[in-house]
């Protein structure tokens, strides 16, 4: 086995998460031109819509067909935006700009957290139905004494 084949023995996955406005069809075409063999699909834009995955016949096979077209697999679903609303403090107007309206609701912090937690549970069910065992998210710790976000692990 050559060095390249040895390195590619594990999945090499691209996360197009910063491309919220980029459609999945376009994102899927990027790694097909390189050495990437998978995508971490995000739960925003048209990439992976949890409600459709759980309730619409043909949605998940369609996502698989799109990945197959480019020779890609999916090993992780990314739920960063909703995931951070589960633990963030404070929940404020900054969250309204990144959360779906169904999660933001009336903007009540505890309501936002509860809806976000329920959505993450739905995301795990949708990922399992898609054949994916990993859902990744994001949370931030807050230094309450100084009112600032602290990087995880600090």
Protein backbone atom coordinates (compact mmCIF):
# COMPACT_ATOMS: atom_id res chain seq x y z
CA UNK A 1 0.00 0.00 0.00
CA UNK A 2 1.38 3.41 -0.96
CA UNK A 3 1.61 6.40 1.37
CA UNK A 4 -1.50 8.06 -0.12
CA UNK A 5 -3.58 4.88 0.16
CA UNK A 6 -2.38 4.37 3.72
CA UNK A 7 -3.41 7.92 4.63
CA UNK A 8 -6.81 7.45 2.99
CA UNK A 9 -7.53 4.22 4.87
CA UNK A 10 -9.75 6.35 7.13
CA UNK A 11 -12.52 8.63 5.94
CA UNK A 12 -11.34 12.11 5.03
CA UNK A 13 -14.36 14.35 5.46
CA UNK A 14 -15.03 17.97 4.58
CA UNK A 15 -17.35 20.09 6.70
CA UNK A 16 -19.00 22.72 4.51
CA UNK A 17 -20.60 24.19 7.63
CA UNK A 18 -19.45 27.75 7.09
CA UNK A 19 -21.27 27.76 3.75
CA UNK A 20 -24.77 28.26 5.16
CA UNK A 21 -25.94 29.92 1.97
CA UNK A 22 -24.31 27.36 -0.33
CA UNK A 23 -26.61 24.59 -1.53
CA UNK A 24 -25.64 20.99 -0.76
CA UNK A 25 -25.44 20.16 -4.47
CA UNK A 26 -22.63 22.72 -4.88
CA UNK A 27 -20.89 21.71 -1.62
CA UNK A 28 -20.92 18.05 -2.69
CA UNK A 29 -19.07 18.94 -5.88
CA UNK A 30 -16.10 20.49 -4.09
CA UNK A 31 -14.59 17.39 -2.43
CA UNK A 32 -15.22 15.25 -5.50
CA UNK A 33 -12.40 17.18 -7.17
CA UNK A 34 -9.89 16.35 -4.41
CA UNK A 35 -8.97 13.64 -1.96
CA UNK A 36 -12.02 14.03 0.28
CA UNK A 37 -14.37 11.06 0.34
CA UNK A 38 -17.12 12.38 2.57
CA UNK A 39 -19.10 15.31 3.87
CA UNK A 40 -20.15 16.25 7.37
CA UNK A 41 -23.61 17.45 6.45
CA UNK A 42 -24.96 20.49 8.29
CA UNK A 43 -28.48 20.98 9.63
CA UNK A 44 -28.98 24.35 7.93
CA UNK A 45 -29.67 25.64 4.49
CA UNK A 46 -30.74 22.78 2.25
CA UNK A 47 -28.02 20.41 3.49
CA UNK A 48 -29.96 18.26 5.98
CA UNK A 49 -33.44 19.30 7.05
CA UNK A 50 -34.34 17.32 10.15
CA UNK A 51 -38.11 17.78 9.85
CA UNK A 52 -38.06 16.54 6.26
CA UNK A 53 -35.75 13.65 7.15
CA UNK A 54 -38.21 12.46 9.78
CA UNK A 55 -41.43 13.13 7.91
CA UNK A 56 -40.98 13.07 4.15
CA UNK A 57 -40.79 9.84 2.18
CA UNK A 58 -37.96 9.99 -0.33
CA UNK A 59 -36.01 12.76 1.42
CA UNK A 60 -33.24 10.55 2.87
CA UNK A 61 -32.84 8.44 -0.29
CA UNK A 62 -32.52 11.74 -2.18
CA UNK A 63 -29.71 12.91 0.10
CA UNK A 64 -27.94 9.56 -0.39
CA UNK A 65 -28.40 9.80 -4.17
CA UNK A 66 -26.82 13.25 -4.22
CA UNK A 67 -23.80 12.05 -2.25
CA UNK A 68 -23.53 8.91 -4.40
CA UNK A 69 -23.45 11.08 -7.53
CA UNK A 70 -20.15 12.52 -6.31
CA UNK A 71 -18.80 9.31 -4.76
CA UNK A 72 -19.20 10.65 -1.24
CA UNK A 73 -20.35 9.25 2.09
CA UNK A 74 -21.61 10.96 5.23
CA UNK A 75 -20.25 9.95 8.62
CA UNK A 76 -21.46 12.91 10.69
CA UNK A 77 -24.35 15.35 10.86
CA UNK A 78 -23.51 18.83 12.15
CA UNK A 79 -25.99 20.57 14.44
CA UNK A 80 -23.78 23.45 15.60
CA UNK A 81 -26.26 26.32 15.39
CA UNK A 82 -29.13 24.69 17.26
CA UNK A 83 -26.74 22.78 19.50
CA UNK A 84 -25.19 25.90 20.97
CA UNK A 85 -28.64 27.15 22.01
CA UNK A 86 -29.00 24.17 24.35
CA UNK A 87 -26.31 25.39 26.78
CA UNK A 88 -25.52 28.99 25.85
CA UNK A 89 -25.95 31.68 28.46
CA UNK A 90 -27.21 34.19 27.87
CA UNK A 91 -29.68 33.45 25.10
CA UNK A 92 -30.16 36.81 23.40
CA UNK A 93 -30.81 38.54 20.07
CA UNK A 94 -27.60 37.12 18.57
CA UNK A 95 -29.21 33.69 18.65
CA UNK A 96 -32.26 34.91 16.77
CA UNK A 97 -30.06 35.51 13.73
CA UNK A 98 -28.73 31.94 13.64
CA UNK A 99 -31.65 29.84 14.85
CA UNK A 100 -34.63 28.65 12.83
CA UNK A 101 -37.82 30.53 13.77
CA UNK A 102 -39.32 27.33 15.19
CA UNK A 103 -36.45 27.15 17.71
CA UNK A 104 -36.36 30.87 18.53
CA UNK A 105 -40.14 31.02 19.09
CA UNK A 106 -40.92 33.95 21.37
CA UNK A 107 -37.25 34.32 22.35
CA UNK A 108 -37.80 33.23 25.96
CA UNK A 109 -34.35 31.83 26.92
CA UNK A 110 -35.68 28.71 28.63
CA UNK A 111 -38.13 28.09 25.78
CA UNK A 112 -35.30 28.43 23.26
CA UNK A 113 -33.19 25.94 25.23
CA UNK A 114 -36.03 23.42 25.50
CA UNK A 115 -36.92 23.65 21.79
CA UNK A 116 -33.23 23.38 20.87
CA UNK A 117 -32.78 20.28 23.06
CA UNK A 118 -35.86 18.64 21.49
CA UNK A 119 -34.51 19.46 18.03
CA UNK A 120 -31.13 17.90 18.85
CA UNK A 121 -32.94 14.71 19.92
CA UNK A 122 -34.83 14.77 16.59
CA UNK A 123 -31.51 15.32 14.81
CA UNK A 124 -30.11 12.17 16.41
CA UNK A 125 -33.19 10.20 15.25
CA UNK A 126 -32.91 11.63 11.73
CA UNK A 127 -29.17 10.86 11.59
CA UNK A 128 -29.85 7.26 12.64
CA UNK A 129 -32.50 6.95 9.92
CA UNK A 130 -29.88 8.27 7.46
CA UNK A 131 -27.40 5.63 8.63
CA UNK A 132 -25.16 8.10 10.46
CA UNK A 133 -24.05 7.40 14.03
CA UNK A 134 -22.50 10.77 14.86
CA UNK A 135 -24.13 14.14 15.46
CA UNK A 136 -21.68 16.92 16.26
CA UNK A 137 -22.54 20.18 17.94
CA UNK A 138 -21.09 23.17 19.66
CA UNK A 139 -21.46 24.78 23.02
CA UNK A 140 -19.61 27.60 24.65
CA UNK A 141 -18.72 28.07 28.27
CA UNK A 142 -19.25 31.47 29.80
CA UNK A 143 -17.09 33.12 32.41
CA UNK A 144 -19.99 34.52 34.44
CA UNK A 145 -17.75 36.66 36.59
CA UNK A 146 -16.51 38.56 33.54
CA UNK A 147 -19.41 38.06 31.12
CA UNK A 148 -17.30 36.62 28.31
CA UNK A 149 -17.23 33.38 26.36
CA UNK A 150 -14.46 30.94 27.25
CA UNK A 151 -13.14 28.46 24.67
CA UNK A 152 -13.96 24.84 25.49
CA UNK A 153 -11.08 23.18 27.29
CA UNK A 154 -9.77 26.44 28.73
